[in-house]
């Protein structure tokens, strides 16, 4: 990853609700360039991780999900 791309990474989306996803979020939140991590759907433990927000895939969150995905610099 080039320096230019890595400097733009601010918002991350992780899809899943298990321990692996929590471990990824916990490790990623340590990076000073990361402002927000969205876990879809996440779980009770992921809500305790700094910079993390759980998103449910229900109708009410559809607009927020679309806005979040549109604000991403890199989708992998």
C-alpha atoms as a PDB file:
ATOM      1  CA  UNK A   1       0.000   0.000   0.000  1.00  0.00           C
ATOM      2  CA  UNK A   2       1.393   3.374  -0.937  1.00  0.00           C
ATOM      3  CA  UNK A   3       1.804   6.182   1.555  1.00  0.00           C
ATOM      4  CA  UNK A   4      -0.775   8.247  -0.331  1.00  0.00           C
ATOM      5  CA  UNK A   5      -3.452   5.545   0.030  1.00  0.00           C
ATOM      6  CA  UNK A   6      -2.627   4.743   3.658  1.00  0.00           C
ATOM      7  CA  UNK A   7      -2.928   8.415   4.651  1.00  0.00           C
ATOM      8  CA  UNK A   8      -6.518   8.447   3.338  1.00  0.00           C
ATOM      9  CA  UNK A   9      -7.706   5.433   5.322  1.00  0.00           C
ATOM     10  CA  UNK A  10     -10.010   6.821   7.998  1.00  0.00           C
ATOM     11  CA  UNK A  11     -13.096   4.615   8.005  1.00  0.00           C
ATOM     12  CA  UNK A  12     -13.032   0.824   7.960  1.00  0.00           C
ATOM     13  CA  UNK A  13     -15.899  -1.644   7.593  1.00  0.00           C
ATOM     14  CA  UNK A  14     -15.555  -5.188   8.909  1.00  0.00           C
ATOM     15  CA  UNK A  15     -18.353  -7.611   8.116  1.00  0.00           C
ATOM     16  CA  UNK A  16     -18.968 -10.376  10.641  1.00  0.00           C
ATOM     17  CA  UNK A  17     -19.829 -10.965  14.278  1.00  0.00           C
ATOM     18  CA  UNK A  18     -17.181 -13.308  15.624  1.00  0.00           C
ATOM     19  CA  UNK A  19     -13.914 -13.284  17.473  1.00  0.00           C
ATOM     20  CA  UNK A  20     -11.806 -12.856  14.338  1.00  0.00           C
ATOM     21  CA  UNK A  21     -13.651  -9.692  13.428  1.00  0.00           C
ATOM     22  CA  UNK A  22     -13.208  -8.378  16.967  1.00  0.00           C
ATOM     23  CA  UNK A  23      -9.487  -9.130  16.811  1.00  0.00           C
ATOM     24  CA  UNK A  24      -9.183  -7.266  13.507  1.00  0.00           C
ATOM     25  CA  UNK A  25     -11.075  -4.262  14.872  1.00  0.00           C
ATOM     26  CA  UNK A  26      -8.996  -4.216  18.054  1.00  0.00           C
ATOM     27  CA  UNK A  27      -5.743  -4.271  16.069  1.00  0.00           C
ATOM     28  CA  UNK A  28      -6.906  -1.710  13.498  1.00  0.00           C
ATOM     29  CA  UNK A  29      -8.166   0.777  16.094  1.00  0.00           C
ATOM     30  CA  UNK A  30      -4.592   1.238  17.312  1.00  0.00           C
ATOM     31  CA  UNK A  31      -3.687   3.010  14.058  1.00  0.00           C
ATOM     32  CA  UNK A  32      -3.774   6.784  14.551  1.00  0.00           C
ATOM     33  CA  UNK A  33      -5.029   7.351  10.985  1.00  0.00           C
ATOM     34  CA  UNK A  34      -8.211   5.359  11.626  1.00  0.00           C
ATOM     35  CA  UNK A  35     -11.124   7.464  12.834  1.00  0.00           C
ATOM     36  CA  UNK A  36     -13.982   4.962  12.808  1.00  0.00           C
ATOM     37  CA  UNK A  37     -14.453   1.210  12.449  1.00  0.00           C
ATOM     38  CA  UNK A  38     -17.888  -0.084  11.518  1.00  0.00           C
ATOM     39  CA  UNK A  39     -18.674  -3.716  12.324  1.00  0.00           C
ATOM     40  CA  UNK A  40     -21.587  -5.251  10.459  1.00  0.00           C
ATOM     41  CA  UNK A  41     -23.337  -6.628  12.442  1.00  0.00           C
ATOM     42  CA  UNK A  42     -20.724  -6.841  15.203  1.00  0.00           C
ATOM     43  CA  UNK A  43     -21.523  -8.217  18.657  1.00  0.00           C
ATOM     44  CA  UNK A  44     -21.589  -7.213  22.313  1.00  0.00           C
ATOM     45  CA  UNK A  45     -17.826  -7.360  22.679  1.00  0.00           C
ATOM     46  CA  UNK A  46     -17.089  -5.283  19.604  1.00  0.00           C
ATOM     47  CA  UNK A  47     -19.054  -2.383  21.060  1.00  0.00           C
ATOM     48  CA  UNK A  48     -16.385  -2.058  23.756  1.00  0.00           C
ATOM     49  CA  UNK A  49     -13.564  -1.495  21.262  1.00  0.00           C
ATOM     50  CA  UNK A  50     -12.470   2.120  20.816  1.00  0.00           C
ATOM     51  CA  UNK A  51     -13.479   3.730  17.540  1.00  0.00           C
ATOM     52  CA  UNK A  52     -15.983   0.909  16.824  1.00  0.00           C
ATOM     53  CA  UNK A  53     -19.652   1.158  16.005  1.00  0.00           C
ATOM     54  CA  UNK A  54     -21.883  -1.848  15.381  1.00  0.00           C
ATOM     55  CA  UNK A  55     -24.350  -1.573  12.503  1.00  0.00           C
ATOM     56  CA  UNK A  56     -27.322  -3.879  12.067  1.00  0.00           C
ATOM     57  CA  UNK A  57     -28.485  -4.633   8.559  1.00  0.00           C
ATOM     58  CA  UNK A  58     -32.060  -3.536   9.108  1.00  0.00           C
ATOM     59  CA  UNK A  59     -34.130  -0.986   7.197  1.00  0.00           C
ATOM     60  CA  UNK A  60     -33.422   1.912   9.584  1.00  0.00           C
ATOM     61  CA  UNK A  61     -29.657   1.607   9.132  1.00  0.00           C
ATOM     62  CA  UNK A  62     -29.764   1.236   5.353  1.00  0.00           C
ATOM     63  CA  UNK A  63     -29.127   4.946   4.727  1.00  0.00           C
ATOM     64  CA  UNK A  64     -26.271   5.051   7.262  1.00  0.00           C
ATOM     65  CA  UNK A  65     -24.751   1.929   5.724  1.00  0.00           C
ATOM     66  CA  UNK A  66     -24.811   3.440   2.237  1.00  0.00           C
ATOM     67  CA  UNK A  67     -23.241   6.673   3.513  1.00  0.00           C
ATOM     68  CA  UNK A  68     -20.574   4.691   5.336  1.00  0.00           C
ATOM     69  CA  UNK A  69     -19.687   2.581   2.322  1.00  0.00           C
ATOM     70  CA  UNK A  70     -19.539   5.678   0.117  1.00  0.00           C
ATOM     71  CA  UNK A  71     -17.050   7.300   2.504  1.00  0.00           C
ATOM     72  CA  UNK A  72     -14.572   4.413   2.279  1.00  0.00           C
ATOM     73  CA  UNK A  73     -11.281   4.775   0.451  1.00  0.00           C
ATOM     74  CA  UNK A  74     -10.510   1.067   0.155  1.00  0.00           C
ATOM     75  CA  UNK A  75     -12.781  -1.964   0.082  1.00  0.00           C
ATOM     76  CA  UNK A  76     -11.116  -5.332   0.334  1.00  0.00           C
END
